[in-house]
Amino acid sequence: MWEVYEHRRVDKQLGKLPVDVLKRYEKWKDIVELTGPSGLRLIRGFRDEALRGDWKGHRSSRLNQQYRVIYCTKGDQLLVEVVEVNPHDYRRKS
C-alpha cells in the first residue's frame, strides 16, 4: 500500500474546488493508495505524465478538463506527496 501525503497548502486548495473535482480527487487518492503511480498510468482518463522545466521530477494527473493534481514520489519509499491541485497553471510559484 502507498501513502499519500498532502502539502499543507493543498488543504486550502481543496476547499475551493468544485464538488465533482473533489470527488474525482478522492478517487485518484484511492487508486494511488492501492496501486501507486503505475496504476494511474493504466487509466487513460487521468492522463498521468511527467512534467518538464521548473516542475521536473513531478508528475501531473488530470482530474477533469481544467484541473490537475501535481505530485511527486519520494525515492524507493511507498510515498506520494501531493504538491498542488490547480486549474492547469504549471508556472512554479515561489
N, C-alpha and C. Protein backbone atom coordinates (compact mmCIF):
# COMPACT_ATOMS: atom_id res chain seq x y z
N MET A 1 0.85 -1.19 0.00
CA MET A 1 0.00 0.00 0.00
C MET A 1 0.89 1.24 0.00
N TRP A 2 0.46 2.22 -0.74
CA TRP A 2 1.15 3.51 -0.82
C TRP A 2 0.51 4.48 0.15
N GLU A 3 1.28 5.45 0.60
CA GLU A 3 0.76 6.52 1.45
C GLU A 3 0.72 7.81 0.65
N VAL A 4 -0.34 8.58 0.81
CA VAL A 4 -0.49 9.86 0.13
C VAL A 4 -0.40 10.97 1.18
N TYR A 5 0.60 11.83 1.04
CA TYR A 5 0.74 13.00 1.91
C TYR A 5 0.42 14.24 1.10
N GLU A 6 -0.28 15.16 1.71
CA GLU A 6 -0.65 16.40 1.04
C GLU A 6 0.12 17.55 1.65
N HIS A 7 0.67 18.41 0.81
CA HIS A 7 1.33 19.62 1.29
C HIS A 7 0.30 20.45 2.04
N ARG A 8 0.74 21.26 2.97
CA ARG A 8 -0.22 22.00 3.81
C ARG A 8 -1.08 22.98 3.01
N ARG A 9 -0.58 23.48 1.89
CA ARG A 9 -1.40 24.41 1.09
C ARG A 9 -2.49 23.68 0.30
N VAL A 10 -2.35 22.35 0.13
CA VAL A 10 -3.34 21.58 -0.64
C VAL A 10 -4.68 21.60 0.07
N ASP A 11 -4.67 21.57 1.40
CA ASP A 11 -5.92 21.59 2.16
C ASP A 11 -6.73 22.84 1.82
N LYS A 12 -6.08 23.97 1.71
CA LYS A 12 -6.74 25.22 1.36
C LYS A 12 -7.28 25.17 -0.07
N GLN A 13 -6.49 24.57 -0.97
CA GLN A 13 -6.90 24.46 -2.37
C GLN A 13 -8.10 23.53 -2.53
N LEU A 14 -8.13 22.45 -1.74
CA LEU A 14 -9.24 21.51 -1.84
C LEU A 14 -10.56 22.15 -1.42
N GLY A 15 -10.51 23.09 -0.49
CA GLY A 15 -11.72 23.77 -0.04
C GLY A 15 -12.36 24.63 -1.12
N LYS A 16 -11.58 25.02 -2.13
CA LYS A 16 -12.07 25.89 -3.20
C LYS A 16 -12.50 25.12 -4.45
N LEU A 17 -12.30 23.80 -4.45
CA LEU A 17 -12.60 23.00 -5.64
C LEU A 17 -14.10 22.78 -5.81
N PRO A 18 -14.56 22.66 -7.05
CA PRO A 18 -15.94 22.24 -7.29
C PRO A 18 -16.13 20.81 -6.77
N VAL A 19 -17.36 20.47 -6.42
CA VAL A 19 -17.66 19.17 -5.81
C VAL A 19 -17.26 18.01 -6.71
N ASP A 20 -17.53 18.10 -8.01
CA ASP A 20 -17.19 16.99 -8.90
C ASP A 20 -15.68 16.77 -9.00
N VAL A 21 -14.90 17.84 -8.95
CA VAL A 21 -13.44 17.71 -8.98
C VAL A 21 -12.94 17.11 -7.67
N LEU A 22 -13.55 17.51 -6.57
CA LEU A 22 -13.16 16.98 -5.27
C LEU A 22 -13.43 15.47 -5.20
N LYS A 23 -14.56 15.03 -5.74
CA LYS A 23 -14.87 13.59 -5.77
C LYS A 23 -13.86 12.85 -6.64
N ARG A 24 -13.49 13.43 -7.75
CA ARG A 24 -12.50 12.81 -8.65
C ARG A 24 -11.13 12.73 -7.96
N TYR A 25 -10.78 13.76 -7.18
CA TYR A 25 -9.52 13.74 -6.43
C TYR A 25 -9.52 12.62 -5.40
N GLU A 26 -10.64 12.43 -4.71
CA GLU A 26 -10.73 11.35 -3.72
C GLU A 26 -10.57 9.98 -4.41
N LYS A 27 -11.15 9.83 -5.60
CA LYS A 27 -10.99 8.60 -6.37
C LYS A 27 -9.53 8.42 -6.77
N TRP A 28 -8.87 9.51 -7.18
CA TRP A 28 -7.45 9.48 -7.53
C TRP A 28 -6.62 8.98 -6.35
N LYS A 29 -6.91 9.51 -5.15
CA LYS A 29 -6.19 9.08 -3.95
C LYS A 29 -6.40 7.60 -3.67
N ASP A 30 -7.62 7.11 -3.83
CA ASP A 30 -7.90 5.69 -3.61
C ASP A 30 -7.07 4.82 -4.55
N ILE A 31 -6.99 5.20 -5.81
CA ILE A 31 -6.22 4.43 -6.79
C ILE A 31 -4.74 4.44 -6.44
N VAL A 32 -4.21 5.60 -6.06
CA VAL A 32 -2.80 5.71 -5.71
C VAL A 32 -2.48 4.88 -4.47
N GLU A 33 -3.35 4.90 -3.49
CA GLU A 33 -3.10 4.14 -2.27
C GLU A 33 -3.07 2.63 -2.54
N LEU A 34 -3.88 2.18 -3.47
CA LEU A 34 -3.94 0.75 -3.77
C LEU A 34 -2.84 0.28 -4.73
N THR A 35 -2.61 1.03 -5.82
CA THR A 35 -1.72 0.55 -6.87
C THR A 35 -0.50 1.44 -7.09
N GLY A 36 -0.46 2.61 -6.50
CA GLY A 36 0.66 3.52 -6.71
C GLY A 36 0.55 4.24 -8.04
N PRO A 37 1.55 5.04 -8.37
CA PRO A 37 1.53 5.81 -9.62
C PRO A 37 1.43 4.94 -10.87
N SER A 38 1.92 3.73 -10.83
CA SER A 38 1.83 2.87 -12.01
C SER A 38 0.38 2.53 -12.34
N GLY A 39 -0.48 2.47 -11.34
CA GLY A 39 -1.90 2.21 -11.57
C GLY A 39 -2.59 3.37 -12.27
N LEU A 40 -2.11 4.60 -12.04
CA LEU A 40 -2.68 5.76 -12.70
C LEU A 40 -2.42 5.74 -14.20
N ARG A 41 -1.26 5.23 -14.58
CA ARG A 41 -0.91 5.19 -16.00
C ARG A 41 -1.79 4.21 -16.78
N LEU A 42 -2.38 3.26 -16.07
CA LEU A 42 -3.25 2.29 -16.73
C LEU A 42 -4.64 2.86 -17.03
N ILE A 43 -5.02 3.92 -16.33
CA ILE A 43 -6.33 4.54 -16.53
C ILE A 43 -6.14 5.76 -17.42
N ARG A 44 -6.58 5.69 -18.64
CA ARG A 44 -6.32 6.74 -19.63
C ARG A 44 -6.94 8.08 -19.26
N GLY A 45 -8.04 8.08 -18.52
CA GLY A 45 -8.72 9.33 -18.19
C GLY A 45 -7.89 10.27 -17.33
N PHE A 46 -6.96 9.74 -16.56
CA PHE A 46 -6.12 10.60 -15.72
C PHE A 46 -4.98 11.23 -16.50
N ARG A 47 -4.62 10.67 -17.62
CA ARG A 47 -3.53 11.18 -18.46
C ARG A 47 -2.31 11.56 -17.63
N ASP A 48 -1.86 10.63 -16.84
CA ASP A 48 -0.71 10.83 -15.96
C ASP A 48 0.55 11.02 -16.80
N GLU A 49 1.32 12.09 -16.51
CA GLU A 49 2.51 12.37 -17.30
C GLU A 49 3.58 13.06 -16.46
N ALA A 50 4.81 12.89 -16.87
CA ALA A 50 5.93 13.57 -16.23
C ALA A 50 5.96 15.03 -16.70
N LEU A 51 6.36 15.92 -15.81
CA LEU A 51 6.44 17.34 -16.15
C LEU A 51 7.88 17.72 -16.46
N ARG A 52 8.04 18.84 -17.16
CA ARG A 52 9.36 19.32 -17.56
C ARG A 52 9.58 20.73 -17.01
N GLY A 53 10.75 21.25 -17.25
CA GLY A 53 11.06 22.62 -16.85
C GLY A 53 11.22 22.74 -15.35
N ASP A 54 10.61 23.79 -14.77
CA ASP A 54 10.69 24.02 -13.32
C ASP A 54 10.07 22.88 -12.53
N TRP A 55 9.13 22.16 -13.13
CA TRP A 55 8.43 21.07 -12.45
C TRP A 55 9.08 19.71 -12.69
N LYS A 56 10.31 19.69 -13.20
CA LYS A 56 10.99 18.42 -13.48
C LYS A 56 11.07 17.59 -12.20
N GLY A 57 10.76 16.30 -12.31
CA GLY A 57 10.74 15.42 -11.15
C GLY A 57 9.35 15.24 -10.57
N HIS A 58 8.38 16.01 -11.05
CA HIS A 58 6.99 15.92 -10.62
C HIS A 58 6.17 15.28 -11.73
N ARG A 59 4.99 14.83 -11.38
CA ARG A 59 4.05 14.25 -12.33
C ARG A 59 2.72 14.98 -12.21
N SER A 60 1.92 14.89 -13.26
CA SER A 60 0.61 15.53 -13.29
C SER A 60 -0.44 14.52 -13.71
N SER A 61 -1.59 14.57 -13.05
CA SER A 61 -2.74 13.75 -13.44
C SER A 61 -3.93 14.66 -13.64
N ARG A 62 -4.72 14.37 -14.66
CA ARG A 62 -5.88 15.18 -14.98
C ARG A 62 -7.07 14.74 -14.12
N LEU A 63 -7.70 15.71 -13.45
CA LEU A 63 -8.91 15.42 -12.69
C LEU A 63 -10.16 15.70 -13.53
N ASN A 64 -10.09 16.70 -14.35
CA ASN A 64 -11.11 16.98 -15.36
C ASN A 64 -10.44 17.80 -16.46
N GLN A 65 -11.20 18.40 -17.33
CA GLN A 65 -10.63 19.15 -18.44
C GLN A 65 -9.72 20.28 -17.96
N GLN A 66 -10.05 20.88 -16.82
CA GLN A 66 -9.30 22.04 -16.34
C GLN A 66 -8.34 21.73 -15.20
N TYR A 67 -8.74 20.95 -14.23
CA TYR A 67 -7.97 20.77 -13.00
C TYR A 67 -6.98 19.61 -13.09
N ARG A 68 -5.80 19.84 -12.49
CA ARG A 68 -4.74 18.85 -12.43
C ARG A 68 -4.28 18.68 -10.98
N VAL A 69 -3.77 17.49 -10.68
CA VAL A 69 -3.10 17.26 -9.41
C VAL A 69 -1.62 17.05 -9.74
N ILE A 70 -0.76 17.79 -9.06
CA ILE A 70 0.67 17.70 -9.27
C ILE A 70 1.27 17.00 -8.05
N TYR A 71 2.06 15.96 -8.30
CA TYR A 71 2.61 15.17 -7.20
C TYR A 71 4.00 14.68 -7.55
N CYS A 72 4.69 14.16 -6.55
CA CYS A 72 5.99 13.52 -6.77
C CYS A 72 6.09 12.31 -5.86
N THR A 73 6.91 11.35 -6.26
CA THR A 73 7.16 10.18 -5.42
C THR A 73 8.50 10.37 -4.74
N LYS A 74 8.62 9.85 -3.55
CA LYS A 74 9.83 10.02 -2.75
C LYS A 74 10.67 8.76 -2.78
N GLY A 75 11.70 8.75 -3.60
CA GLY A 75 12.68 7.67 -3.65
C GLY A 75 12.06 6.29 -3.77
N ASP A 76 12.60 5.35 -3.01
CA ASP A 76 12.12 3.98 -3.08
C ASP A 76 11.05 3.70 -2.04
N GLN A 77 10.63 4.73 -1.29
CA GLN A 77 9.56 4.56 -0.31
C GLN A 77 8.22 4.50 -1.03
N LEU A 78 7.26 3.91 -0.40
CA LEU A 78 5.91 3.86 -0.97
C LEU A 78 5.17 5.12 -0.50
N LEU A 79 5.58 6.25 -1.04
CA LEU A 79 5.08 7.55 -0.59
C LEU A 79 4.83 8.44 -1.79
N VAL A 80 3.67 9.08 -1.82
CA VAL A 80 3.33 10.05 -2.86
C VAL A 80 3.00 11.35 -2.16
N GLU A 81 3.68 12.43 -2.55
CA GLU A 81 3.43 13.74 -1.95
C GLU A 81 2.69 14.61 -2.95
N VAL A 82 1.47 15.02 -2.60
CA VAL A 82 0.67 15.90 -3.45
C VAL A 82 1.13 17.33 -3.18
N VAL A 83 1.59 18.00 -4.23
CA VAL A 83 2.11 19.35 -4.10
C VAL A 83 1.03 20.39 -4.36
N GLU A 84 0.22 20.18 -5.38
CA GLU A 84 -0.81 21.16 -5.74
C GLU A 84 -1.98 20.49 -6.43
N VAL A 85 -3.14 21.10 -6.29
CA VAL A 85 -4.31 20.80 -7.11
C VAL A 85 -4.72 22.15 -7.67
N ASN A 86 -4.52 22.33 -8.98
CA ASN A 86 -4.74 23.66 -9.54
C ASN A 86 -5.47 23.61 -10.88
N PRO A 87 -5.96 24.77 -11.31
CA PRO A 87 -6.65 24.83 -12.60
C PRO A 87 -5.67 25.00 -13.77
N HIS A 88 -4.81 24.01 -14.00
CA HIS A 88 -3.94 23.90 -15.16
C HIS A 88 -3.06 25.13 -15.38
N ASP A 89 -2.30 25.50 -14.36
CA ASP A 89 -1.32 26.59 -14.47
C ASP A 89 -0.02 26.03 -13.92
N TYR A 90 0.87 25.60 -14.81
CA TYR A 90 2.07 24.91 -14.39
C TYR A 90 3.23 25.84 -14.03
N ARG A 91 3.03 27.13 -14.09
CA ARG A 91 4.12 28.02 -13.70
C ARG A 91 4.39 27.86 -12.22
N ARG A 92 5.63 27.64 -11.87
CA ARG A 92 6.01 27.40 -10.48
C ARG A 92 5.86 28.67 -9.67
N LYS A 93 5.24 28.56 -8.53
CA LYS A 93 5.03 29.70 -7.65
C LYS A 93 6.09 29.70 -6.57
N SER A 94 6.69 30.84 -6.31
CA SER A 94 7.76 30.93 -5.32
C SER A 94 7.23 31.20 -3.95
